[in-house]
């Protein structure tokens, strides 16, 4: 479906209010030119020409949803720093509600800085703390979810394993969504999917699916079999495995029931 057609459908209907919860990231880009090698070490000297920033991680998911006409609230954690302020400013520009963006003074805003010289990506610098969020911060997140979950039409979980989505936060978010009859979609990063068991749908990419089932998936049939295997192991409603240029493979409850009737006890 063309982007403009999808946008027309979404804008012509009632705007869905979607809660995106996950690891928000600020993407920084430093663009420059290389004209010489440093006399201090055999490395390139990059003369900076311009800089730019973009929303990354869960913030990028929120941005994409807002771009097609959804009302979006982002729940995440930033630091009490300049980059956190820049991220908040960018969210406001995109009309993304950030009243569930929590500030943690003990950690920096997760930032990925890419230095690009000419057409070459020279290096990436990551500023982050991946330790689990403090118990107090988790309390605040859970309190927000309990008070506000019923406001939303859908929940999207964007996990980049930066410490915000602890087992407790995932359990509470997905459990509350399920209790409220709200569909939830998870973009997973963990090999062990048990923390996502209450989700409506999980959406691993091919590499992530291979890590989950512990083998290479070369053909469409192998990918579909892996999706069934994931459904067999976990009480998730559906699995969608994205395969880049090769499209996607999906399996849901009806196909799983048929599979169990046809081949009981096997995958």
Protein backbone atom coordinates (compact mmCIF):
# COMPACT_ATOMS: atom_id res chain seq x y z
CA UNK A 1 0.00 0.00 0.00
CA UNK A 2 1.37 3.42 -0.92
CA UNK A 3 2.30 5.75 1.94
CA UNK A 4 -0.07 8.51 0.79
CA UNK A 5 -2.96 6.01 0.59
CA UNK A 6 -2.24 4.76 4.12
CA UNK A 7 -2.03 8.32 5.40
CA UNK A 8 -5.38 9.17 3.75
CA UNK A 9 -7.08 6.19 5.44
CA UNK A 10 -5.68 7.09 8.86
CA UNK A 11 -6.55 10.78 8.58
CA UNK A 12 -10.09 10.07 7.38
CA UNK A 13 -10.84 7.97 10.47
CA UNK A 14 -10.68 8.75 14.19
CA UNK A 15 -7.05 9.17 15.13
CA UNK A 16 -5.87 6.15 17.13
CA UNK A 17 -4.05 7.11 20.33
CA UNK A 18 -0.97 4.91 20.61
CA UNK A 19 1.38 4.53 23.56
CA UNK A 20 4.98 3.82 22.55
CA UNK A 21 7.09 2.55 25.43
CA UNK A 22 10.78 1.83 25.17
CA UNK A 23 14.33 3.08 24.87
CA UNK A 24 14.41 6.59 23.40
CA UNK A 25 17.61 7.52 21.57
CA UNK A 26 18.96 10.74 20.12
CA UNK A 27 20.79 10.16 16.82
CA UNK A 28 23.50 12.75 16.13
CA UNK A 29 25.26 13.15 12.79
CA UNK A 30 28.50 15.05 12.28
CA UNK A 31 29.26 15.65 8.61
CA UNK A 32 32.72 16.67 7.45
CA UNK A 33 35.63 16.28 5.07
CA UNK A 34 38.99 14.55 5.36
CA UNK A 35 41.90 16.54 4.00
CA UNK A 36 44.84 15.13 5.92
CA UNK A 37 46.17 12.50 8.34
CA UNK A 38 46.85 13.48 11.93
CA UNK A 39 50.52 13.96 12.87
CA UNK A 40 49.71 12.52 16.31
CA UNK A 41 48.55 9.10 15.05
CA UNK A 42 47.76 7.42 11.72
CA UNK A 43 44.12 8.53 11.73
CA UNK A 44 42.03 10.83 9.55
CA UNK A 45 41.39 14.42 10.59
CA UNK A 46 37.75 15.31 9.95
CA UNK A 47 36.95 18.97 9.37
CA UNK A 48 33.35 19.42 10.56
CA UNK A 49 31.01 21.10 8.07
CA UNK A 50 27.60 20.59 9.67
CA UNK A 51 25.72 18.68 12.36
CA UNK A 52 22.19 17.31 12.61
CA UNK A 53 20.05 15.25 14.97
CA UNK A 54 17.17 12.80 14.54
CA UNK A 55 14.84 10.79 16.75
CA UNK A 56 16.07 7.25 17.28
CA UNK A 57 14.99 4.03 18.98
CA UNK A 58 11.48 4.17 20.42
CA UNK A 59 11.35 7.89 19.60
CA UNK A 60 11.75 7.04 15.90
CA UNK A 61 8.84 4.59 16.16
CA UNK A 62 6.72 7.36 17.70
CA UNK A 63 7.81 9.74 14.94
CA UNK A 64 6.78 7.30 12.20
CA UNK A 65 3.35 6.80 13.78
CA UNK A 66 2.82 10.55 14.14
CA UNK A 67 3.82 11.03 10.49
CA UNK A 68 0.92 8.84 9.30
CA UNK A 69 -1.64 10.66 11.43
CA UNK A 70 -1.73 8.84 14.77
CA UNK A 71 -1.92 10.56 18.13
CA UNK A 72 1.17 9.34 19.97
CA UNK A 73 2.40 9.38 23.55
CA UNK A 74 5.99 8.31 24.25
CA UNK A 75 7.00 6.67 27.53
CA UNK A 76 10.75 6.54 28.05
CA UNK A 77 13.72 7.79 30.05
CA UNK A 78 16.14 10.62 29.31
CA UNK A 79 18.97 12.22 31.27
CA UNK A 80 18.99 15.68 32.81
CA UNK A 81 21.27 16.96 30.08
CA UNK A 82 21.46 19.01 26.90
CA UNK A 83 20.76 16.02 24.66
CA UNK A 84 17.65 15.18 26.68
CA UNK A 85 16.39 18.71 26.13
CA UNK A 86 17.15 18.41 22.39
CA UNK A 87 15.19 15.16 22.24
CA UNK A 88 12.20 16.71 24.02
CA UNK A 89 12.28 19.68 21.65
CA UNK A 90 12.30 17.35 18.62
CA UNK A 91 9.34 15.38 20.02
CA UNK A 92 7.34 18.58 20.53
CA UNK A 93 8.10 19.66 16.96
CA UNK A 94 6.60 16.38 15.76
CA UNK A 95 3.57 16.86 18.05
CA UNK A 96 4.38 13.76 20.06
CA UNK A 97 3.08 13.87 23.64
CA UNK A 98 6.04 13.55 26.04
CA UNK A 99 4.24 13.78 29.40
CA UNK A 100 5.39 10.20 30.12
CA UNK A 101 9.05 10.98 29.43
CA UNK A 102 10.86 10.50 32.74
CA UNK A 103 14.12 12.24 33.65
CA UNK A 104 16.80 10.18 35.42
CA UNK A 105 19.67 12.33 36.73
CA UNK A 106 21.86 9.26 37.26
CA UNK A 107 22.16 8.40 33.56
CA UNK A 108 22.78 10.29 30.32
CA UNK A 109 20.31 10.55 27.48
CA UNK A 110 21.15 7.61 25.21
CA UNK A 111 22.90 9.14 22.21
CA UNK A 112 24.52 7.64 19.13
CA UNK A 113 26.88 10.04 17.34
CA UNK A 114 27.92 9.12 13.81
CA UNK A 115 30.87 10.89 12.20
CA UNK A 116 30.64 10.88 8.40
CA UNK A 117 33.48 12.11 6.20
CA UNK A 118 32.50 12.46 2.56
CA UNK A 119 30.50 9.30 1.89
CA UNK A 120 32.32 7.25 4.52
CA UNK A 121 30.95 6.45 7.97
CA UNK A 122 34.15 6.88 9.96
CA UNK A 123 33.10 6.03 13.52
CA UNK A 124 30.10 5.87 15.87
CA UNK A 125 30.25 7.10 19.47
CA UNK A 126 27.67 5.74 21.93
CA UNK A 127 26.81 7.58 25.14
CA UNK A 128 24.62 5.32 27.24
CA UNK A 129 24.05 3.47 30.50
CA UNK A 130 22.43 0.07 30.03
CA UNK A 131 22.00 -0.83 33.69
CA UNK A 132 18.37 -1.52 34.69
CA UNK A 133 16.33 1.50 35.69
CA UNK A 134 16.23 2.13 39.44
CA UNK A 135 13.42 0.69 41.55
CA UNK A 136 12.09 4.21 42.16
CA UNK A 137 11.99 4.97 38.46
CA UNK A 138 10.27 1.65 37.75
CA UNK A 139 7.68 2.55 40.42
CA UNK A 140 6.96 5.83 38.61
CA UNK A 141 6.61 4.08 35.25
CA UNK A 142 4.27 1.41 36.65
CA UNK A 143 2.16 4.10 38.38
CA UNK A 144 1.80 5.98 35.09
CA UNK A 145 0.78 2.81 33.25
CA UNK A 146 -1.80 1.87 35.87
CA UNK A 147 -3.32 5.37 35.79
CA UNK A 148 -3.36 5.92 32.02
CA UNK A 149 -3.40 2.63 30.08
CA UNK A 150 -7.15 2.82 29.40
CA UNK A 151 -6.62 6.07 27.44
CA UNK A 152 -4.85 4.29 24.59
CA UNK A 153 -6.01 2.28 21.60
CA UNK A 154 -2.79 0.29 21.18
CA UNK A 155 0.57 -0.29 22.84
CA UNK A 156 3.89 -0.60 21.02
CA UNK A 157 6.96 -1.80 22.91
CA UNK A 158 10.31 -0.87 21.35
CA UNK A 159 13.08 -2.72 23.18
CA UNK A 160 16.71 -1.77 22.54
CA UNK A 161 17.99 -3.25 25.84
CA UNK A 162 19.15 0.08 27.25
CA UNK A 163 17.83 -0.66 30.75
CA UNK A 164 14.42 1.00 30.69
CA UNK A 165 12.35 -2.09 29.82
CA UNK A 166 13.01 -4.29 32.83
CA UNK A 167 11.15 -7.57 33.38
CA UNK A 168 8.87 -5.78 35.82
CA UNK A 169 8.06 -2.91 33.45
CA UNK A 170 7.37 -5.31 30.57
CA UNK A 171 5.16 -7.52 32.75
CA UNK A 172 3.13 -4.55 33.99
CA UNK A 173 2.81 -2.82 30.61
CA UNK A 174 1.79 -5.91 28.63
CA UNK A 175 -0.38 -7.25 31.46
CA UNK A 176 -2.30 -3.99 31.83
CA UNK A 177 -2.80 -3.73 28.06
CA UNK A 178 -4.20 -7.26 28.00
CA UNK A 179 -6.52 -6.55 30.95
CA UNK A 180 -7.80 -3.43 29.18
CA UNK A 181 -8.38 -5.26 25.88
CA UNK A 182 -5.67 -3.21 24.17
CA UNK A 183 -3.58 -4.87 21.46
CA UNK A 184 0.17 -4.76 22.03
CA UNK A 185 3.01 -5.11 19.53
CA UNK A 186 6.59 -5.82 20.63
CA UNK A 187 9.77 -5.20 18.68
CA UNK A 188 11.97 -7.63 20.66
CA UNK A 189 15.69 -7.71 21.34
CA UNK A 190 15.87 -10.60 23.82
CA UNK A 191 16.49 -14.24 22.89
CA UNK A 192 14.31 -15.33 25.80
CA UNK A 193 10.80 -14.18 24.90
CA UNK A 194 9.19 -15.03 28.24
CA UNK A 195 9.07 -11.34 29.26
CA UNK A 196 6.89 -10.68 26.18
CA UNK A 197 4.45 -13.57 26.77
CA UNK A 198 1.44 -11.29 27.30
CA UNK A 199 1.92 -9.49 23.97
CA UNK A 200 -0.59 -9.68 21.13
CA UNK A 201 2.15 -9.78 18.49
CA UNK A 202 5.94 -9.84 18.41
CA UNK A 203 7.91 -8.59 15.43
CA UNK A 204 11.49 -9.91 15.33
CA UNK A 205 13.65 -9.40 12.27
CA UNK A 206 15.31 -12.38 10.61
CA UNK A 207 18.53 -12.16 12.63
CA UNK A 208 16.58 -11.90 15.89
CA UNK A 209 14.35 -14.86 14.92
CA UNK A 210 17.45 -16.95 14.18
CA UNK A 211 18.81 -16.13 17.64
CA UNK A 212 15.48 -17.06 19.26
CA UNK A 213 15.20 -20.50 17.61
CA UNK A 214 18.96 -21.15 17.56
CA UNK A 215 19.50 -21.85 13.85
CA UNK A 216 19.86 -20.21 10.45
CA UNK A 217 16.65 -19.53 8.53
CA UNK A 218 17.45 -19.56 4.82
CA UNK A 219 14.10 -20.20 3.11
CA UNK A 220 10.58 -18.87 3.53
CA UNK A 221 9.45 -22.31 4.70
CA UNK A 222 12.11 -22.31 7.41
CA UNK A 223 11.05 -18.84 8.54
CA UNK A 224 7.39 -19.86 8.72
CA UNK A 225 8.32 -22.99 10.66
CA UNK A 226 10.31 -20.83 13.11
CA UNK A 227 7.26 -18.57 13.60
CA UNK A 228 5.14 -21.61 14.46
CA UNK A 229 7.82 -22.82 16.85
CA UNK A 230 7.80 -19.47 18.66
CA UNK A 231 3.98 -19.59 18.92
CA UNK A 232 4.16 -23.15 20.22
CA UNK A 233 6.57 -22.12 22.99
CA UNK A 234 4.90 -18.88 24.07
CA UNK A 235 1.28 -17.72 24.66
CA UNK A 236 1.65 -14.89 22.14
CA UNK A 237 -1.21 -14.35 19.69
CA UNK A 238 0.85 -13.83 16.53
CA UNK A 239 4.41 -13.59 15.20
CA UNK A 240 5.61 -11.47 12.29
CA UNK A 241 9.20 -12.00 11.15
CA UNK A 242 10.55 -9.24 8.92
CA UNK A 243 13.05 -10.25 6.23
CA UNK A 244 14.25 -6.97 4.73
CA UNK A 245 13.98 -6.99 0.95
CA UNK A 246 12.38 -10.46 1.08
CA UNK A 247 9.26 -9.18 2.81
CA UNK A 248 7.88 -10.84 5.93
CA UNK A 249 6.45 -14.10 7.25
CA UNK A 250 3.54 -14.19 9.69
CA UNK A 251 1.76 -16.80 11.73
CA UNK A 252 -1.30 -16.41 13.97
CA UNK A 253 -3.54 -18.51 16.22
CA UNK A 254 -5.60 -20.12 13.43
CA UNK A 255 -2.51 -21.47 11.67
CA UNK A 256 -1.12 -22.71 14.99
CA UNK A 257 -4.34 -24.59 15.79
CA UNK A 258 -4.31 -26.17 12.33
CA UNK A 259 -0.65 -27.08 12.75
CA UNK A 260 -1.37 -28.80 16.06
CA UNK A 261 -4.28 -30.74 14.54
CA UNK A 262 -2.21 -31.86 11.58
CA UNK A 263 0.97 -32.68 13.45
CA UNK A 264 0.24 -33.10 17.17
CA UNK A 265 3.27 -32.87 19.40
CA UNK A 266 5.65 -31.58 16.73
CA UNK A 267 6.72 -28.41 15.02
